[in-house]
Structure formats: C-alpha cells, structure tokens
Amino acid sequence: MKPTSKEVLEKISKHCSNQLTLYKFNTSTLHISEKYREGRLTALEYIGELTYYYLQEEKRIQEQFKDQVTKQLKLHSCLNDTEYKRGLYDTLHEVLNF
C-alpha cells in the first residue's frame, strides 16, 4: 500500500531534522567545505519549513471536511423526522466521529 501524503511528509520532516543536527553540530568531523555545509543547512531548513506548512494544510483539510459535514447536518435539520432523516444523520455523525 502506498504511504499517505501525511506519512511521506512526516518521513521527510524527520529526515530533515536528523540531517540538520548532523550538519549543524558536526562541523569538525564531517570532511566538507563550509560553503557546502551552509548550502545543505539552507536547503534542509527550507524543506523543514515546507513540510511543516503542508502538514498544517493537511490538518486544515480535515477541519474543512468536518465543517462541510456539519453544514449538511444543519441543512437537513428542517426535514421531518423520518427513516430517511435518521439514516442521513446516523451516517453523517459516524463520519464526524472519525
């Protein structure tokens, strides 16, 4: 099964954090130039910020989805109390509880 976008972003974020630690604090043990190290750090910080942004977007998508389901509940609140309405409400409430 393919990993979800959230799983991929979390994996990238963890990798960037590990690499940031490596390049920030191992200045004498790594045999690289200072400019190369600075380039790596700049890219890793950028990717870290980018993954954070998209993880927050993913959270917002979940919230927006639940808001839309809640709007459907309110939209259909004027229906008469029938089997149809109970089926509709049961399903929408199930989804809200995920």
C-alpha atoms as a PDB file:
ATOM      1  CA  MET A   1       0.000   0.000   0.000  1.00  0.00           C
ATOM      2  CA  LYS A   2       1.281   3.445  -0.879  1.00  0.00           C
ATOM      3  CA  PRO A   3       2.020   5.721   2.064  1.00  0.00           C
ATOM      4  CA  THR A   4      -0.309   8.657   2.585  1.00  0.00           C
ATOM      5  CA  SER A   5       0.858  12.179   1.868  1.00  0.00           C
ATOM      6  CA  LYS A   6       0.933  12.816   5.625  1.00  0.00           C
ATOM      7  CA  GLU A   7       3.216   9.801   6.159  1.00  0.00           C
ATOM      8  CA  VAL A   8       5.548  10.954   3.378  1.00  0.00           C
ATOM      9  CA  LEU A   9       5.705  14.494   4.792  1.00  0.00           C
ATOM     10  CA  GLU A  10       6.389  13.191   8.302  1.00  0.00           C
ATOM     11  CA  LYS A  11       9.170  10.955   6.979  1.00  0.00           C
ATOM     12  CA  ILE A  12      10.738  13.873   5.090  1.00  0.00           C
ATOM     13  CA  SER A  13      10.438  16.095   8.169  1.00  0.00           C
ATOM     14  CA  LYS A  14      12.150  13.516  10.373  1.00  0.00           C
ATOM     15  CA  HIS A  15      14.933  13.041   7.814  1.00  0.00           C
ATOM     16  CA  CYS A  16      15.484  16.814   7.612  1.00  0.00           C
ATOM     17  CA  SER A  17      15.647  17.106  11.400  1.00  0.00           C
ATOM     18  CA  ASN A  18      18.253  14.350  11.592  1.00  0.00           C
ATOM     19  CA  GLN A  19      20.291  15.882   8.787  1.00  0.00           C
ATOM     20  CA  LEU A  20      20.067  19.370  10.311  1.00  0.00           C
ATOM     21  CA  THR A  21      21.505  18.018  13.550  1.00  0.00           C
ATOM     22  CA  LEU A  22      24.274  16.253  11.663  1.00  0.00           C
ATOM     23  CA  TYR A  23      25.326  19.297   9.646  1.00  0.00           C
ATOM     24  CA  LYS A  24      24.889  21.861  12.436  1.00  0.00           C
ATOM     25  CA  PHE A  25      26.798  20.123  15.189  1.00  0.00           C
ATOM     26  CA  ASN A  26      29.430  18.006  13.410  1.00  0.00           C
ATOM     27  CA  THR A  27      31.485  20.788  11.888  1.00  0.00           C
ATOM     28  CA  SER A  28      34.835  19.183  12.648  1.00  0.00           C
ATOM     29  CA  THR A  29      34.030  15.522  11.953  1.00  0.00           C
ATOM     30  CA  LEU A  30      32.469  15.992   8.520  1.00  0.00           C
ATOM     31  CA  HIS A  31      35.007  16.395   5.742  1.00  0.00           C
ATOM     32  CA  ILE A  32      33.111  19.001   3.717  1.00  0.00           C
ATOM     33  CA  SER A  33      33.615  22.643   2.881  1.00  0.00           C
ATOM     34  CA  GLU A  34      31.897  25.353   4.909  1.00  0.00           C
ATOM     35  CA  LYS A  35      30.010  26.546   1.814  1.00  0.00           C
ATOM     36  CA  TYR A  36      28.694  23.026   1.135  1.00  0.00           C
ATOM     37  CA  ARG A  37      27.575  22.736   4.772  1.00  0.00           C
ATOM     38  CA  GLU A  38      25.811  26.114   4.564  1.00  0.00           C
ATOM     39  CA  GLY A  39      24.078  25.035   1.360  1.00  0.00           C
ATOM     40  CA  ARG A  40      22.881  21.810   2.972  1.00  0.00           C
ATOM     41  CA  LEU A  41      21.647  23.659   6.054  1.00  0.00           C
ATOM     42  CA  THR A  42      19.774  26.230   3.966  1.00  0.00           C
ATOM     43  CA  ALA A  43      18.058  23.534   1.910  1.00  0.00           C
ATOM     44  CA  LEU A  44      17.231  21.421   4.966  1.00  0.00           C
ATOM     45  CA  GLU A  45      15.728  24.395   6.809  1.00  0.00           C
ATOM     46  CA  TYR A  46      13.650  25.275   3.742  1.00  0.00           C
ATOM     47  CA  ILE A  47      12.385  21.710   3.328  1.00  0.00           C
ATOM     48  CA  GLY A  48      11.638  21.527   7.062  1.00  0.00           C
ATOM     49  CA  GLU A  49       9.519  24.677   6.864  1.00  0.00           C
ATOM     50  CA  LEU A  50       7.808  23.432   3.713  1.00  0.00           C
ATOM     51  CA  THR A  51       6.876  20.089   5.269  1.00  0.00           C
ATOM     52  CA  TYR A  52       5.555  21.883   8.358  1.00  0.00           C
ATOM     53  CA  TYR A  53       3.393  24.105   6.138  1.00  0.00           C
ATOM     54  CA  TYR A  54       1.904  21.152   4.257  1.00  0.00           C
ATOM     55  CA  LEU A  55       1.296  19.152   7.427  1.00  0.00           C
ATOM     56  CA  GLN A  56      -0.683  22.144   8.715  1.00  0.00           C
ATOM     57  CA  GLU A  57      -2.584  22.282   5.408  1.00  0.00           C
ATOM     58  CA  GLU A  58      -3.467  18.615   5.847  1.00  0.00           C
ATOM     59  CA  LYS A  59      -4.918  19.398   9.278  1.00  0.00           C
ATOM     60  CA  ARG A  60      -6.938  22.257   7.786  1.00  0.00           C
ATOM     61  CA  ILE A  61      -8.344  19.924   5.133  1.00  0.00           C
ATOM     62  CA  GLN A  62      -9.633  17.612   7.871  1.00  0.00           C
ATOM     63  CA  GLU A  63     -11.244  20.550   9.668  1.00  0.00           C
ATOM     64  CA  GLN A  64     -12.826  21.849   6.459  1.00  0.00           C
ATOM     65  CA  PHE A  65     -14.176  18.384   5.686  1.00  0.00           C
ATOM     66  CA  LYS A  66     -15.813  18.141   9.104  1.00  0.00           C
ATOM     67  CA  ASP A  67     -17.216  21.662   8.704  1.00  0.00           C
ATOM     68  CA  GLN A  68     -18.874  20.635   5.446  1.00  0.00           C
ATOM     69  CA  VAL A  69     -20.404  17.539   7.062  1.00  0.00           C
ATOM     70  CA  THR A  70     -21.691  19.703   9.927  1.00  0.00           C
ATOM     71  CA  LYS A  71     -23.240  22.092   7.386  1.00  0.00           C
ATOM     72  CA  GLN A  72     -25.087  19.139   5.856  1.00  0.00           C
ATOM     73  CA  LEU A  73     -26.450  18.236   9.285  1.00  0.00           C
ATOM     74  CA  LYS A  74     -27.736  21.785   9.753  1.00  0.00           C
ATOM     75  CA  LEU A  75     -29.068  21.952   6.194  1.00  0.00           C
ATOM     76  CA  HIS A  76     -31.203  18.854   6.708  1.00  0.00           C
ATOM     77  CA  SER A  77     -32.355  19.708  10.220  1.00  0.00           C
ATOM     78  CA  CYS A  78     -35.643  21.018   8.824  1.00  0.00           C
ATOM     79  CA  LEU A  79     -36.621  17.608   7.425  1.00  0.00           C
ATOM     80  CA  ASN A  80     -39.450  15.741   9.091  1.00  0.00           C
ATOM     81  CA  ASP A  81     -38.356  13.022  11.500  1.00  0.00           C
ATOM     82  CA  THR A  82     -38.392  10.090   9.067  1.00  0.00           C
ATOM     83  CA  GLU A  83     -36.323   6.970   8.449  1.00  0.00           C
ATOM     84  CA  TYR A  84     -34.554   8.887   5.675  1.00  0.00           C
ATOM     85  CA  LYS A  85     -33.512  11.672   8.045  1.00  0.00           C
ATOM     86  CA  ARG A  86     -32.370   9.183  10.712  1.00  0.00           C
ATOM     87  CA  GLY A  87     -30.292   7.298   8.123  1.00  0.00           C
ATOM     88  CA  LEU A  88     -28.803  10.531   6.861  1.00  0.00           C
ATOM     89  CA  TYR A  89     -27.990  11.786  10.362  1.00  0.00           C
ATOM     90  CA  ASP A  90     -26.576   8.443  11.526  1.00  0.00           C
ATOM     91  CA  THR A  91     -24.167   8.361   8.587  1.00  0.00           C
ATOM     92  CA  LEU A  92     -23.090  11.989   8.932  1.00  0.00           C
ATOM     93  CA  HIS A  93     -22.499  11.558  12.681  1.00  0.00           C
ATOM     94  CA  GLU A  94     -20.453   8.405  12.042  1.00  0.00           C
ATOM     95  CA  VAL A  95     -18.212  10.358   9.684  1.00  0.00           C
ATOM     96  CA  LEU A  96     -17.803  13.188  12.193  1.00  0.00           C
ATOM     97  CA  ASN A  97     -16.534  10.704  14.789  1.00  0.00           C
ATOM     98  CA  PHE A  98     -13.562   9.553  12.676  1.00  0.00           C
END
